[in-house]
C-alpha atoms as a PDB file:
ATOM      1  CA  MET A   1       3.662  46.701-155.778  1.00  0.00           C
ATOM      2  CA  ARG A   2       3.078  49.457-153.407  1.00  0.00           C
ATOM      3  CA  PRO A   3       5.132  49.649-150.191  1.00  0.00           C
ATOM      4  CA  ALA A   4       2.043  49.142-147.966  1.00  0.00           C
ATOM      5  CA  SER A   5       0.994  45.924-149.711  1.00  0.00           C
ATOM      6  CA  LEU A   6       4.534  44.590-149.583  1.00  0.00           C
ATOM      7  CA  PHE A   7       4.664  45.239-145.835  1.00  0.00           C
ATOM      8  CA  LEU A   8       1.367  43.363-145.163  1.00  0.00           C
ATOM      9  CA  ALA A   9       2.522  40.355-147.189  1.00  0.00           C
ATOM     10  CA  VAL A  10       5.770  40.107-145.261  1.00  0.00           C
ATOM     11  CA  LEU A  11       3.899  40.489-141.910  1.00  0.00           C
ATOM     12  CA  GLY A  12       1.355  37.747-142.777  1.00  0.00           C
ATOM     13  CA  ALA A  13       4.100  35.286-143.743  1.00  0.00           C
ATOM     14  CA  ALA A  14       5.936  35.968-140.491  1.00  0.00           C
ATOM     15  CA  ALA A  15       2.706  35.371-138.490  1.00  0.00           C
ATOM     16  CA  LEU A  16       2.144  31.987-140.177  1.00  0.00           C
ATOM     17  CA  ILE A  17       5.716  30.872-139.517  1.00  0.00           C
ATOM     18  CA  GLY A  18       5.433  31.934-135.843  1.00  0.00           C
ATOM     19  CA  ALA A  19       2.147  30.026-135.375  1.00  0.00           C
ATOM     20  CA  ALA A  20       3.663  26.877-136.865  1.00  0.00           C
ATOM     21  CA  LEU A  21       6.678  27.067-134.561  1.00  0.00           C
ATOM     22  CA  LEU A  22       4.426  27.571-131.484  1.00  0.00           C
ATOM     23  CA  ALA A  23       2.253  24.580-132.392  1.00  0.00           C
ATOM     24  CA  ARG A  24       5.317  22.391-132.840  1.00  0.00           C
ATOM     25  CA  ARG A  25       6.638  23.399-129.424  1.00  0.00           C
ATOM     26  CA  ILE A  26       3.333  22.698-127.656  1.00  0.00           C
ATOM     27  CA  GLY A  27       3.099  19.254-129.241  1.00  0.00           C
ATOM     28  CA  SER A  28       6.574  18.288-127.995  1.00  0.00           C
ATOM     29  CA  GLU A  29       5.725  19.153-124.381  1.00  0.00           C
ATOM     30  CA  ARG A  30       3.027  16.892-122.724  1.00  0.00           C
ATOM     31  CA  PRO A  31       1.291  18.095-119.600  1.00  0.00           C
ATOM     32  CA  LEU A  32       2.556  16.573-116.372  1.00  0.00           C
ATOM     33  CA  SER A  33      -0.918  15.322-115.391  1.00  0.00           C
ATOM     34  CA  LEU A  34      -1.179  13.156-118.542  1.00  0.00           C
ATOM     35  CA  GLN A  35       2.299  11.611-118.476  1.00  0.00           C
ATOM     36  CA  GLY A  36       2.077   7.839-118.651  1.00  0.00           C
ATOM     37  CA  ALA A  37      -1.493   7.992-119.991  1.00  0.00           C
ATOM     38  CA  THR A  38      -2.777   5.446-122.483  1.00  0.00           C
ATOM     39  CA  PRO A  39      -3.970   6.770-125.856  1.00  0.00           C
ATOM     40  CA  ASP A  40      -7.710   6.484-126.399  1.00  0.00           C
ATOM     41  CA  PRO A  41      -9.090   5.663-129.864  1.00  0.00           C
ATOM     42  CA  TYR A  42     -11.475   8.601-129.442  1.00  0.00           C
ATOM     43  CA  GLY A  43      -8.704  11.071-128.786  1.00  0.00           C
ATOM     44  CA  ARG A  44      -9.050  11.030-124.973  1.00  0.00           C
ATOM     45  CA  ALA A  45      -6.302  10.169-122.528  1.00  0.00           C
ATOM     46  CA  THR A  46      -6.833   7.591-119.761  1.00  0.00           C
ATOM     47  CA  PRO A  47      -4.558   8.021-116.727  1.00  0.00           C
ATOM     48  CA  ALA A  48      -2.194   5.094-116.087  1.00  0.00           C
ATOM     49  CA  PRO A  49      -2.506   3.205-112.775  1.00  0.00           C
ATOM     50  CA  ASP A  50      -0.390   4.440-109.922  1.00  0.00           C
ATOM     51  CA  PRO A  51       2.088   1.662-108.959  1.00  0.00           C
ATOM     52  CA  GLY A  52       2.279   3.003-105.415  1.00  0.00           C
ATOM     53  CA  ARG A  53      -1.444   2.512-104.701  1.00  0.00           C
ATOM     54  CA  GLY A  54      -2.295  -0.394-102.354  1.00  0.00           C
ATOM     55  CA  ALA A  55      -5.431  -2.585-101.926  1.00  0.00           C
ATOM     56  CA  ARG A  56      -6.266  -0.979 -98.574  1.00  0.00           C
ATOM     57  CA  ASP A  57      -6.372   2.525-100.102  1.00  0.00           C
ATOM     58  CA  GLY A  58      -9.881   2.051-101.418  1.00  0.00           C
ATOM     59  CA  PRO A  59     -11.295   1.821-104.945  1.00  0.00           C
ATOM     60  CA  GLU A  60      -9.606   3.650-107.831  1.00  0.00           C
ATOM     61  CA  LEU A  61     -11.342   6.883-108.752  1.00  0.00           C
ATOM     62  CA  THR A  62     -12.671   7.083-112.304  1.00  0.00           C
ATOM     63  CA  ASP A  63     -14.736   9.497-114.288  1.00  0.00           C
ATOM     64  CA  GLU A  64     -17.519   6.930-114.766  1.00  0.00           C
ATOM     65  CA  PRO A  65     -20.760   7.594-112.815  1.00  0.00           C
ATOM     66  CA  THR A  66     -21.488   5.334-109.827  1.00  0.00           C
ATOM     67  CA  PRO A  67     -24.420   2.947-110.502  1.00  0.00           C
ATOM     68  CA  VAL A  68     -27.353   3.545-108.185  1.00  0.00           C
ATOM     69  CA  THR A  69     -30.384   1.520-107.096  1.00  0.00           C
ATOM     70  CA  MET A  70     -33.585   2.591-105.428  1.00  0.00           C
ATOM     71  CA  SER A  71     -33.926   2.100-101.718  1.00  0.00           C
ATOM     72  CA  SER A  72     -36.442  -0.360-100.280  1.00  0.00           C
ATOM     73  CA  ALA A  73     -38.815   2.540 -99.692  1.00  0.00           C
ATOM     74  CA  GLY A  74     -38.467   3.612-103.319  1.00  0.00           C
ATOM     75  CA  GLN A  75     -37.703   7.208-102.387  1.00  0.00           C
ATOM     76  CA  GLU A  76     -33.997   7.887-102.370  1.00  0.00           C
ATOM     77  CA  PRO A  77     -31.349   6.405-104.674  1.00  0.00           C
ATOM     78  CA  VAL A  78     -28.703   4.440-102.807  1.00  0.00           C
ATOM     79  CA  PRO A  79     -25.253   3.806-104.377  1.00  0.00           C
ATOM     80  CA  GLU A  80     -24.615   0.088-104.967  1.00  0.00           C
ATOM     81  CA  SER A  81     -21.218   0.403-103.327  1.00  0.00           C
ATOM     82  CA  ALA A  82     -22.709   1.800-100.104  1.00  0.00           C
ATOM     83  CA  PRO A  83     -22.526  -0.617 -97.145  1.00  0.00           C
ATOM     84  CA  ALA A  84     -25.754  -2.342 -96.137  1.00  0.00           C
ATOM     85  CA  VAL A  85     -27.586  -0.764 -93.238  1.00  0.00           C
ATOM     86  CA  ALA A  86     -27.606  -3.026 -90.187  1.00  0.00           C
ATOM     87  CA  SER A  87     -31.036  -4.310 -89.252  1.00  0.00           C
ATOM     88  CA  GLU A  88     -32.587  -3.458 -85.936  1.00  0.00           C
ATOM     89  CA  PRO A  89     -31.326  -5.787 -83.213  1.00  0.00           C
ATOM     90  CA  GLY A  90     -33.867  -8.385 -82.129  1.00  0.00           C
ATOM     91  CA  ALA A  91     -35.041  -9.161 -78.648  1.00  0.00           C
ATOM     92  CA  ARG A  92     -32.362 -10.204 -76.197  1.00  0.00           C
ATOM     93  CA  PRO A  93     -32.137 -13.994 -75.785  1.00  0.00           C
ATOM     94  CA  GLU A  94     -33.843 -15.215 -72.643  1.00  0.00           C
ATOM     95  CA  ALA A  95     -31.881 -16.635 -69.740  1.00  0.00           C
ATOM     96  CA  ALA A  96     -32.336 -20.376 -69.280  1.00  0.00           C
ATOM     97  CA  LEU A  97     -31.143 -23.309 -67.187  1.00  0.00           C
ATOM     98  CA  LEU A  98     -30.180 -26.614 -68.832  1.00  0.00           C
ATOM     99  CA  PHE A  99     -29.691 -29.991 -67.147  1.00  0.00           C
ATOM    100  CA  ARG A 100     -30.137 -33.765 -67.463  1.00  0.00           C
ATOM    101  CA  VAL A 101     -31.514 -36.011 -64.708  1.00  0.00           C
ATOM    102  CA  VAL A 102     -30.358 -39.623 -64.228  1.00  0.00           C
ATOM    103  CA  ASP A 103     -30.601 -42.403 -61.662  1.00  0.00           C
ATOM    104  CA  ALA A 104     -27.514 -42.166 -59.441  1.00  0.00           C
ATOM    105  CA  ARG A 105     -27.239 -45.956 -59.225  1.00  0.00           C
ATOM    106  CA  THR A 106     -27.800 -47.017 -62.819  1.00  0.00           C
ATOM    107  CA  VAL A 107     -26.983 -43.705 -64.560  1.00  0.00           C
ATOM    108  CA  GLN A 108     -30.095 -44.290 -66.675  1.00  0.00           C
ATOM    109  CA  PRO A 109     -32.035 -41.135 -67.616  1.00  0.00           C
ATOM    110  CA  LEU A 110     -35.170 -40.312 -65.638  1.00  0.00           C
ATOM    111  CA  THR A 111     -37.901 -39.324 -68.039  1.00  0.00           C
ATOM    112  CA  THR A 112     -40.544 -38.501 -65.414  1.00  0.00           C
ATOM    113  CA  PHE A 113     -39.874 -35.818 -62.838  1.00  0.00           C
ATOM    114  CA  GLU A 114     -40.851 -32.314 -61.805  1.00  0.00           C
ATOM    115  CA  ALA A 115     -38.559 -29.281 -61.868  1.00  0.00           C
ATOM    116  CA  ARG A 116     -39.103 -26.138 -59.783  1.00  0.00           C
ATOM    117  CA  LEU A 117     -37.042 -22.955 -59.780  1.00  0.00           C
ATOM    118  CA  GLY A 118     -36.961 -19.681 -57.892  1.00  0.00           C
ATOM    119  CA  GLN A 119     -35.948 -18.108 -54.602  1.00  0.00           C
ATOM    120  CA  ALA A 120     -38.443 -18.226 -51.731  1.00  0.00           C
ATOM    121  CA  PHE A 121     -41.220 -19.324 -54.084  1.00  0.00           C
ATOM    122  CA  LEU A 122     -40.296 -22.179 -56.424  1.00  0.00           C
ATOM    123  CA  ARG A 123     -42.363 -22.166 -59.592  1.00  0.00           C
ATOM    124  CA  PRO A 124     -42.786 -25.349 -61.650  1.00  0.00           C
ATOM    125  CA  LEU A 125     -41.608 -25.812 -65.215  1.00  0.00           C
ATOM    126  CA  LEU A 126     -44.667 -25.680 -67.472  1.00  0.00           C
ATOM    127  CA  ASP A 127     -45.314 -27.188 -70.880  1.00  0.00           C
ATOM    128  CA  GLU A 128     -46.638 -25.352 -73.943  1.00  0.00           C
ATOM    129  CA  ARG A 129     -50.192 -25.741 -72.626  1.00  0.00           C
ATOM    130  CA  GLY A 130     -49.402 -24.121 -69.304  1.00  0.00           C
ATOM    131  CA  ARG A 131     -49.507 -27.388 -67.353  1.00  0.00           C
ATOM    132  CA  ILE A 132     -46.805 -28.693 -65.045  1.00  0.00           C
ATOM    133  CA  ARG A 133     -44.403 -30.662 -67.187  1.00  0.00           C
ATOM    134  CA  HIS A 134     -43.451 -34.195 -66.138  1.00  0.00           C
ATOM    135  CA  ASP A 135     -42.240 -35.907 -69.319  1.00  0.00           C
ATOM    136  CA  PHE A 136     -38.622 -35.328 -70.384  1.00  0.00           C
ATOM    137  CA  PRO A 137     -37.203 -37.442 -73.230  1.00  0.00           C
ATOM    138  CA  ASP A 138     -33.741 -38.740 -72.340  1.00  0.00           C
ATOM    139  CA  GLY A 139     -34.024 -36.885 -69.018  1.00  0.00           C
ATOM    140  CA  ARG A 140     -33.075 -33.547 -70.597  1.00  0.00           C
ATOM    141  CA  ALA A 141     -34.746 -30.303 -69.558  1.00  0.00           C
ATOM    142  CA  ARG A 142     -34.507 -26.612 -70.343  1.00  0.00           C
ATOM    143  CA  PHE A 143     -35.935 -24.112 -67.846  1.00  0.00           C
ATOM    144  CA  PRO A 144     -36.411 -20.779 -69.693  1.00  0.00           C
ATOM    145  CA  GLY A 145     -37.638 -17.354 -68.635  1.00  0.00           C
ATOM    146  CA  LEU A 146     -35.530 -16.691 -65.534  1.00  0.00           C
ATOM    147  CA  ILE A 147     -36.918 -13.412 -64.224  1.00  0.00           C
ATOM    148  CA  GLU A 148     -34.290 -13.342 -61.474  1.00  0.00           C
ATOM    149  CA  ALA A 149     -31.507 -13.142 -64.072  1.00  0.00           C
ATOM    150  CA  ARG A 150     -32.605  -9.621 -65.027  1.00  0.00           C
ATOM    151  CA  GLU A 151     -32.179  -8.488 -61.431  1.00  0.00           C
ATOM    152  CA  GLY A 152     -28.894 -10.325 -60.876  1.00  0.00           C
ATOM    153  CA  LYS A 153     -30.359 -12.660 -58.236  1.00  0.00           C
ATOM    154  CA  ASN A 154     -29.459 -16.269 -57.505  1.00  0.00           C
ATOM    155  CA  VAL A 155     -32.003 -19.069 -57.761  1.00  0.00           C
ATOM    156  CA  GLN A 156     -32.320 -22.633 -56.493  1.00  0.00           C
ATOM    157  CA  LEU A 157     -33.449 -25.664 -58.457  1.00  0.00           C
ATOM    158  CA  LEU A 158     -35.552 -28.472 -57.013  1.00  0.00           C
ATOM    159  CA  ILE A 159     -36.036 -31.858 -58.708  1.00  0.00           C
ATOM    160  CA  LEU A 160     -38.827 -34.175 -57.539  1.00  0.00           C
ATOM    161  CA  ALA A 161     -39.299 -37.735 -58.789  1.00  0.00           C
ATOM    162  CA  ARG A 162     -41.357 -40.577 -57.427  1.00  0.00           C
ATOM    163  CA  GLY A 163     -39.132 -43.177 -55.739  1.00  0.00           C
ATOM    164  CA  TYR A 164     -36.190 -40.754 -55.371  1.00  0.00           C
ATOM    165  CA  GLU A 165     -34.923 -38.321 -52.793  1.00  0.00           C
ATOM    166  CA  GLU A 166     -35.572 -34.726 -53.721  1.00  0.00           C
ATOM    167  CA  LEU A 167     -32.558 -32.866 -55.072  1.00  0.00           C
ATOM    168  CA  ARG A 168     -31.880 -29.186 -54.397  1.00  0.00           C
ATOM    169  CA  VAL A 169     -29.219 -27.181 -56.214  1.00  0.00           C
ATOM    170  CA  PRO A 170     -28.886 -23.778 -54.475  1.00  0.00           C
ATOM    171  CA  GLU A 171     -27.122 -20.515 -55.328  1.00  0.00           C
ATOM    172  CA  LEU A 172     -27.360 -20.647 -59.090  1.00  0.00           C
ATOM    173  CA  TYR A 173     -26.622 -17.488 -61.059  1.00  0.00           C
ATOM    174  CA  VAL A 174     -27.613 -17.189 -64.700  1.00  0.00           C
ATOM    175  CA  ALA A 175     -26.374 -14.132 -66.586  1.00  0.00           C
ATOM    176  CA  PRO A 176     -29.025 -12.167 -68.495  1.00  0.00           C
ATOM    177  CA  GLY A 177     -29.428 -13.428 -72.044  1.00  0.00           C
ATOM    178  CA  HIS A 178     -27.322 -16.567 -71.407  1.00  0.00           C
ATOM    179  CA  GLU A 179     -27.878 -20.254 -70.723  1.00  0.00           C
ATOM    180  CA  LEU A 180     -26.328 -22.106 -67.789  1.00  0.00           C
ATOM    181  CA  ASP A 181     -25.757 -25.826 -68.378  1.00  0.00           C
ATOM    182  CA  LEU A 182     -25.626 -27.796 -65.110  1.00  0.00           C
ATOM    183  CA  GLY A 183     -24.705 -30.999 -66.886  1.00  0.00           C
ATOM    184  CA  THR A 184     -25.929 -34.256 -65.303  1.00  0.00           C
ATOM    185  CA  LEU A 185     -27.902 -34.281 -62.035  1.00  0.00           C
ATOM    186  CA  ARG A 186     -27.943 -37.633 -60.195  1.00  0.00           C
ATOM    187  CA  LEU A 187     -30.944 -38.535 -58.049  1.00  0.00           C
ATOM    188  CA  GLU A 188     -30.504 -40.955 -55.149  1.00  0.00           C
ATOM    189  CA  ARG A 189     -33.122 -43.620 -54.705  1.00  0.00           C
ATOM    190  CA  ALA A 190     -35.509 -43.396 -51.796  1.00  0.00           C
ATOM    191  CA  PRO A 191     -36.995 -46.517 -50.182  1.00  0.00           C
ATOM    192  CA  ARG A 192     -39.572 -47.601 -52.723  1.00  0.00           C
ATOM    193  CA  LEU A 193     -42.673 -49.742 -52.822  1.00  0.00           C
ATOM    194  CA  THR A 194     -43.879 -51.372 -56.030  1.00  0.00           C
ATOM    195  CA  VAL A 195     -47.530 -52.359 -56.041  1.00  0.00           C
ATOM    196  CA  ARG A 196     -49.088 -54.566 -58.700  1.00  0.00           C
ATOM    197  CA  VAL A 197     -52.860 -54.679 -59.006  1.00  0.00           C
ATOM    198  CA  LEU A 198     -54.455 -57.767 -60.627  1.00  0.00           C
ATOM    199  CA  ASP A 199     -57.959 -58.944 -61.314  1.00  0.00           C
ATOM    200  CA  GLU A 200     -58.863 -61.549 -58.683  1.00  0.00           C
ATOM    201  CA  LEU A 201     -60.623 -63.851 -61.155  1.00  0.00           C
ATOM    202  CA  THR A 202     -58.546 -63.612 -64.334  1.00  0.00           C
ATOM    203  CA  GLY A 203     -55.184 -62.597 -62.927  1.00  0.00           C
ATOM    204  CA  GLU A 204     -54.941 -59.901 -65.594  1.00  0.00           C
ATOM    205  CA  PRO A 205     -53.375 -56.534 -64.700  1.00  0.00           C
ATOM    206  CA  VAL A 206     -55.738 -53.705 -63.791  1.00  0.00           C
ATOM    207  CA  PRO A 207     -54.486 -50.469 -65.347  1.00  0.00           C
ATOM    208  CA  GLY A 208     -55.647 -47.077 -64.124  1.00  0.00           C
ATOM    209  CA  ALA A 209     -56.223 -48.115 -60.507  1.00  0.00           C
ATOM    210  CA  ARG A 210     -55.508 -45.415 -57.928  1.00  0.00           C
ATOM    211  CA  VAL A 211     -53.108 -46.728 -55.270  1.00  0.00           C
ATOM    212  CA  SER A 212     -52.440 -44.653 -52.146  1.00  0.00           C
ATOM    213  CA  LEU A 213     -50.048 -45.338 -49.286  1.00  0.00           C
ATOM    214  CA  ILE A 214     -51.498 -43.924 -46.067  1.00  0.00           C
ATOM    215  CA  ALA A 215     -49.196 -43.868 -43.051  1.00  0.00           C
ATOM    216  CA  SER A 216     -50.475 -44.045 -39.482  1.00  0.00           C
ATOM    217  CA  GLY A 217     -49.546 -40.805 -37.721  1.00  0.00           C
ATOM    218  CA  ALA A 218     -47.164 -39.756 -40.452  1.00  0.00           C
ATOM    219  CA  PRO A 219     -45.448 -36.404 -39.750  1.00  0.00           C
ATOM    220  CA  PRO A 220     -46.425 -33.522 -42.032  1.00  0.00           C
ATOM    221  CA  ALA A 221     -44.203 -32.554 -44.890  1.00  0.00           C
ATOM    222  CA  PRO A 222     -41.520 -29.928 -44.127  1.00  0.00           C
ATOM    223  CA  GLU A 223     -42.748 -26.354 -44.504  1.00  0.00           C
ATOM    224  CA  ASP A 224     -39.989 -25.441 -46.969  1.00  0.00           C
ATOM    225  CA  ARG A 225     -41.024 -28.217 -49.308  1.00  0.00           C
ATOM    226  CA  PRO A 226     -43.248 -26.948 -52.118  1.00  0.00           C
ATOM    227  CA  PRO A 227     -46.480 -28.801 -52.781  1.00  0.00           C
ATOM    228  CA  THR A 228     -46.126 -31.652 -55.221  1.00  0.00           C
ATOM    229  CA  SER A 229     -48.577 -31.999 -58.080  1.00  0.00           C
ATOM    230  CA  SER A 230     -50.826 -35.045 -57.942  1.00  0.00           C
ATOM    231  CA  ALA A 231     -49.008 -36.467 -60.978  1.00  0.00           C
ATOM    232  CA  LEU A 232     -45.887 -36.877 -58.829  1.00  0.00           C
ATOM    233  CA  ASP A 233     -47.361 -37.471 -55.390  1.00  0.00           C
ATOM    234  CA  PRO A 234     -44.781 -39.842 -53.851  1.00  0.00           C
ATOM    235  CA  TRP A 235     -47.453 -41.841 -52.006  1.00  0.00           C
ATOM    236  CA  SER A 236     -50.252 -41.918 -54.577  1.00  0.00           C
ATOM    237  CA  ALA A 237     -50.370 -42.863 -58.265  1.00  0.00           C
ATOM    238  CA  ARG A 238     -52.265 -44.798 -60.920  1.00  0.00           C
ATOM    239  CA  THR A 239     -51.198 -48.185 -62.231  1.00  0.00           C
ATOM    240  CA  ASP A 240     -49.719 -48.473 -65.734  1.00  0.00           C
ATOM    241  CA  LEU A 241     -50.759 -50.908 -68.463  1.00  0.00           C
ATOM    242  CA  ASP A 242     -48.985 -53.705 -66.588  1.00  0.00           C
ATOM    243  CA  GLY A 243     -50.942 -52.903 -63.420  1.00  0.00           C
ATOM    244  CA  ARG A 244     -47.825 -51.595 -61.644  1.00  0.00           C
ATOM    245  CA  VAL A 245     -47.193 -48.423 -59.710  1.00  0.00           C
ATOM    246  CA  LEU A 246     -44.087 -47.126 -57.959  1.00  0.00           C
ATOM    247  CA  LEU A 247     -44.455 -45.322 -54.635  1.00  0.00           C
ATOM    248  CA  THR A 248     -42.078 -43.975 -52.044  1.00  0.00           C
ATOM    249  CA  SER A 249     -42.049 -46.453 -49.183  1.00  0.00           C
ATOM    250  CA  ARG A 250     -42.218 -45.903 -45.414  1.00  0.00           C
ATOM    251  CA  PRO A 251     -39.882 -48.592 -44.072  1.00  0.00           C
ATOM    252  CA  GLY A 252     -40.781 -50.009 -40.629  1.00  0.00           C
ATOM    253  CA  GLU A 253     -44.094 -48.144 -40.435  1.00  0.00           C
ATOM    254  CA  PRO A 254     -47.649 -49.511 -40.278  1.00  0.00           C
ATOM    255  CA  VAL A 255     -49.527 -48.271 -43.341  1.00  0.00           C
ATOM    256  CA  THR A 256     -52.787 -48.709 -45.208  1.00  0.00           C
ATOM    257  CA  LEU A 257     -52.640 -49.528 -48.876  1.00  0.00           C
ATOM    258  CA  SER A 258     -55.770 -48.124 -50.496  1.00  0.00           C
ATOM    259  CA  VAL A 259     -56.710 -49.319 -53.985  1.00  0.00           C
ATOM    260  CA  ARG A 260     -59.576 -47.834 -56.032  1.00  0.00           C
ATOM    261  CA  HIS A 261     -60.810 -48.601 -59.545  1.00  0.00           C
ATOM    262  CA  ALA A 262     -63.961 -47.736 -61.498  1.00  0.00           C
ATOM    263  CA  THR A 263     -64.784 -51.336 -62.568  1.00  0.00           C
ATOM    264  CA  HIS A 264     -63.594 -53.151 -59.423  1.00  0.00           C
ATOM    265  CA  LEU A 265     -64.475 -53.150 -55.768  1.00  0.00           C
ATOM    266  CA  SER A 266     -62.291 -50.949 -53.559  1.00  0.00           C
ATOM    267  CA  ARG A 267     -59.839 -52.595 -51.200  1.00  0.00           C
ATOM    268  CA  ASP A 268     -57.765 -51.431 -48.217  1.00  0.00           C
ATOM    269  CA  VAL A 269     -54.813 -53.539 -47.098  1.00  0.00           C
ATOM    270  CA  GLU A 270     -53.201 -53.091 -43.680  1.00  0.00           C
ATOM    271  CA  LEU A 271     -49.509 -53.940 -43.629  1.00  0.00           C
ATOM    272  CA  SER A 272     -46.204 -53.115 -41.994  1.00  0.00           C
ATOM    273  CA  LEU A 273     -43.504 -52.205 -44.468  1.00  0.00           C
ATOM    274  CA  PRO A 274     -40.163 -53.989 -44.042  1.00  0.00           C
ATOM    275  CA  LEU A 275     -36.861 -52.199 -43.488  1.00  0.00           C
ATOM    276  CA  SER A 276     -35.680 -52.570 -47.043  1.00  0.00           C
ATOM    277  CA  GLU A 277     -34.974 -50.248 -49.907  1.00  0.00           C
ATOM    278  CA  GLU A 278     -37.099 -52.204 -52.353  1.00  0.00           C
ATOM    279  CA  HIS A 279     -40.369 -53.972 -51.561  1.00  0.00           C
ATOM    280  CA  GLU A 280     -43.203 -55.284 -53.745  1.00  0.00           C
ATOM    281  CA  GLU A 281     -46.836 -56.008 -52.901  1.00  0.00           C
ATOM    282  CA  THR A 282     -49.569 -57.577 -55.008  1.00  0.00           C
ATOM    283  CA  VAL A 283     -53.193 -56.613 -54.515  1.00  0.00           C
ATOM    284  CA  ARG A 284     -56.065 -58.504 -56.172  1.00  0.00           C
ATOM    285  CA  LEU A 285     -59.331 -56.731 -56.850  1.00  0.00           C
ATOM    286  CA  GLN A 286     -62.731 -58.286 -57.299  1.00  0.00           C
ATOM    287  CA  ALA A 287     -64.635 -57.064 -60.331  1.00  0.00           C
ATOM    288  CA  SER A 288     -67.799 -55.232 -59.457  1.00  0.00           C
ATOM    289  CA  ALA A 289     -71.152 -56.611 -60.608  1.00  0.00           C
ATOM    290  CA  PRO A 290     -72.391 -55.114 -63.870  1.00  0.00           C
ATOM    291  CA  ARG A 291     -75.172 -52.577 -63.446  1.00  0.00           C
END
């Protein structure tokens, strides 16, 4: 063998031995970033969990892609882990006044009354049809839409009921967007007159008769008192199915009791009301001749 060939053979053997030693050394030293990793059946290394990581530190980072869904508009993908976008806030709740009206003597609820609210001008509480509301189951009422609350102004509440003294609750402040519950309002009884209208011949009650109490030289109503709707006129009303009507009396005064009905003759009764809180009168009407 020539000297040149012998030299190349020795050099090749040395190179193979050196490569084997280098590979063995690399295999015995694992990189620091993969220490504690779990072997993967596909030859990959999965990092081991960090024992020092807490629940408040957020989700663990992985190499897996984050699932995405399309937005409601169908234009931009939104990650499923992204927090939901808060909806637009709705209209601010309206300010309202809550209360319940009862008889001060019996503590029974008053289901028929009129409520007015405001400052100088007191507006009535209306129903869903835009008419003045008079019927309140269990005596409970809710007065919504307080315009004064937006301007930070106080209001006064007025309660009117036939056979009761009017009740005023002044200097009420309702915060914007809130409800103020006044609880129970007790109405004191006024002197009252109960009139029962009967048919003169049969003695049966006459429902729907208009009964008016007209005082002789009665003083006008105070100027600060708002006008009362005809449904709650304290001195005029229609009889119920039992032929009865409740009016506010005028104790010790001479009055005219006027009774009108479509199928009976009209009648006016002159009387002097006694000085009593409760008084009852019976009026008999003669049926009109058929046409």
